[in-house]
């Protein structure tokens, strides 16, 4: 799985599939190539006032495209 662009007529915010997050040691080898991931910020709300953390997300080698787009993850309570 990796990031993909929304369609032009898509909503501003898109839901992502459920995912599982795990911790790895800082000195451990990353499961991803560094040029194929983006460190995506996770915010508590759409206002982006409070950042929770960043998560390395596969992006298919289009790192700068996602950085320039301002891509981020937002937490939502159910």
C-alpha atoms as a PDB file:
ATOM      1  CA  UNK A   1       0.000   0.000   0.000  1.00  0.00           C
ATOM      2  CA  UNK A   2       1.159   3.548  -0.683  1.00  0.00           C
ATOM      3  CA  UNK A   3      -0.205   7.051  -1.037  1.00  0.00           C
ATOM      4  CA  UNK A   4      -2.180   7.868  -4.151  1.00  0.00           C
ATOM      5  CA  UNK A   5      -3.732  11.072  -5.415  1.00  0.00           C
ATOM      6  CA  UNK A   6      -7.406  11.835  -4.993  1.00  0.00           C
ATOM      7  CA  UNK A   7      -9.529  12.663  -8.008  1.00  0.00           C
ATOM      8  CA  UNK A   8     -10.085  16.338  -8.863  1.00  0.00           C
ATOM      9  CA  UNK A   9     -13.717  16.147  -7.747  1.00  0.00           C
ATOM     10  CA  UNK A  10     -12.909  14.345  -4.466  1.00  0.00           C
ATOM     11  CA  UNK A  11     -13.530  15.857  -1.061  1.00  0.00           C
ATOM     12  CA  UNK A  12     -10.737  17.891   0.531  1.00  0.00           C
ATOM     13  CA  UNK A  13     -10.286  15.228   3.210  1.00  0.00           C
ATOM     14  CA  UNK A  14     -10.221  11.527   2.321  1.00  0.00           C
ATOM     15  CA  UNK A  15     -10.544   8.591   4.698  1.00  0.00           C
ATOM     16  CA  UNK A  16      -7.757   6.030   4.764  1.00  0.00           C
ATOM     17  CA  UNK A  17      -8.093   2.326   5.342  1.00  0.00           C
ATOM     18  CA  UNK A  18      -7.452   1.107   8.883  1.00  0.00           C
ATOM     19  CA  UNK A  19      -3.757   0.610   9.513  1.00  0.00           C
ATOM     20  CA  UNK A  20      -1.554  -0.889  12.173  1.00  0.00           C
ATOM     21  CA  UNK A  21       1.420   0.981  13.539  1.00  0.00           C
ATOM     22  CA  UNK A  22       4.405  -0.590  15.238  1.00  0.00           C
ATOM     23  CA  UNK A  23       7.512   0.733  16.915  1.00  0.00           C
ATOM     24  CA  UNK A  24      10.966  -0.185  15.690  1.00  0.00           C
ATOM     25  CA  UNK A  25      14.267   0.619  17.360  1.00  0.00           C
ATOM     26  CA  UNK A  26      16.086   3.721  16.078  1.00  0.00           C
ATOM     27  CA  UNK A  27      19.101   1.601  15.135  1.00  0.00           C
ATOM     28  CA  UNK A  28      16.981  -0.998  13.286  1.00  0.00           C
ATOM     29  CA  UNK A  29      16.984  -1.127   9.502  1.00  0.00           C
ATOM     30  CA  UNK A  30      13.899   0.530   8.035  1.00  0.00           C
ATOM     31  CA  UNK A  31      11.526  -1.764   6.148  1.00  0.00           C
ATOM     32  CA  UNK A  32      11.263   0.934   3.449  1.00  0.00           C
ATOM     33  CA  UNK A  33      13.752   2.675   1.205  1.00  0.00           C
ATOM     34  CA  UNK A  34      14.205   6.242   2.509  1.00  0.00           C
ATOM     35  CA  UNK A  35      13.506   7.724  -0.952  1.00  0.00           C
ATOM     36  CA  UNK A  36      10.183   5.838  -1.147  1.00  0.00           C
ATOM     37  CA  UNK A  37       8.617   7.196   2.055  1.00  0.00           C
ATOM     38  CA  UNK A  38       7.445  10.505   3.440  1.00  0.00           C
ATOM     39  CA  UNK A  39       7.432  11.402   7.114  1.00  0.00           C
ATOM     40  CA  UNK A  40       3.787  12.422   7.314  1.00  0.00           C
ATOM     41  CA  UNK A  41       2.580  14.506  10.279  1.00  0.00           C
ATOM     42  CA  UNK A  42      -0.428  13.333  12.272  1.00  0.00           C
ATOM     43  CA  UNK A  43      -2.558  16.142  13.707  1.00  0.00           C
ATOM     44  CA  UNK A  44      -5.387  16.074  16.244  1.00  0.00           C
ATOM     45  CA  UNK A  45      -7.696  18.184  14.051  1.00  0.00           C
ATOM     46  CA  UNK A  46      -8.031  19.769  10.599  1.00  0.00           C
ATOM     47  CA  UNK A  47      -6.761  23.087  11.999  1.00  0.00           C
ATOM     48  CA  UNK A  48      -3.333  21.423  12.409  1.00  0.00           C
ATOM     49  CA  UNK A  49      -2.778  23.226  15.707  1.00  0.00           C
ATOM     50  CA  UNK A  50      -1.484  20.201  17.591  1.00  0.00           C
ATOM     51  CA  UNK A  51       0.790  17.556  16.087  1.00  0.00           C
ATOM     52  CA  UNK A  52       0.766  14.092  17.625  1.00  0.00           C
ATOM     53  CA  UNK A  53       3.716  12.547  15.792  1.00  0.00           C
ATOM     54  CA  UNK A  54       4.995  11.733  12.312  1.00  0.00           C
ATOM     55  CA  UNK A  55       4.600   8.418  10.537  1.00  0.00           C
ATOM     56  CA  UNK A  56       6.759   7.119   7.675  1.00  0.00           C
ATOM     57  CA  UNK A  57       4.323   6.331   4.861  1.00  0.00           C
ATOM     58  CA  UNK A  58       5.214   4.686   1.529  1.00  0.00           C
ATOM     59  CA  UNK A  59       4.754   7.208  -1.285  1.00  0.00           C
ATOM     60  CA  UNK A  60       6.140   5.441  -4.353  1.00  0.00           C
ATOM     61  CA  UNK A  61       9.193   7.688  -4.698  1.00  0.00           C
ATOM     62  CA  UNK A  62       7.214  10.917  -5.163  1.00  0.00           C
ATOM     63  CA  UNK A  63       8.440  12.458  -1.923  1.00  0.00           C
ATOM     64  CA  UNK A  64       8.486  16.121  -2.994  1.00  0.00           C
ATOM     65  CA  UNK A  65       5.022  15.898  -4.573  1.00  0.00           C
ATOM     66  CA  UNK A  66       3.542  14.977  -1.197  1.00  0.00           C
ATOM     67  CA  UNK A  67       5.615  17.524   0.730  1.00  0.00           C
ATOM     68  CA  UNK A  68       4.498  20.329  -1.615  1.00  0.00           C
ATOM     69  CA  UNK A  69       0.860  19.245  -1.421  1.00  0.00           C
ATOM     70  CA  UNK A  70       0.853  19.569   2.383  1.00  0.00           C
ATOM     71  CA  UNK A  71      -0.343  15.991   2.849  1.00  0.00           C
ATOM     72  CA  UNK A  72      -1.064  15.073   6.467  1.00  0.00           C
ATOM     73  CA  UNK A  73      -3.051  12.600   8.528  1.00  0.00           C
ATOM     74  CA  UNK A  74      -5.811  13.723  10.884  1.00  0.00           C
ATOM     75  CA  UNK A  75      -7.119  11.812  13.868  1.00  0.00           C
ATOM     76  CA  UNK A  76     -10.860  11.298  14.150  1.00  0.00           C
ATOM     77  CA  UNK A  77     -12.864   9.958  17.050  1.00  0.00           C
ATOM     78  CA  UNK A  78     -15.560   7.410  16.338  1.00  0.00           C
END
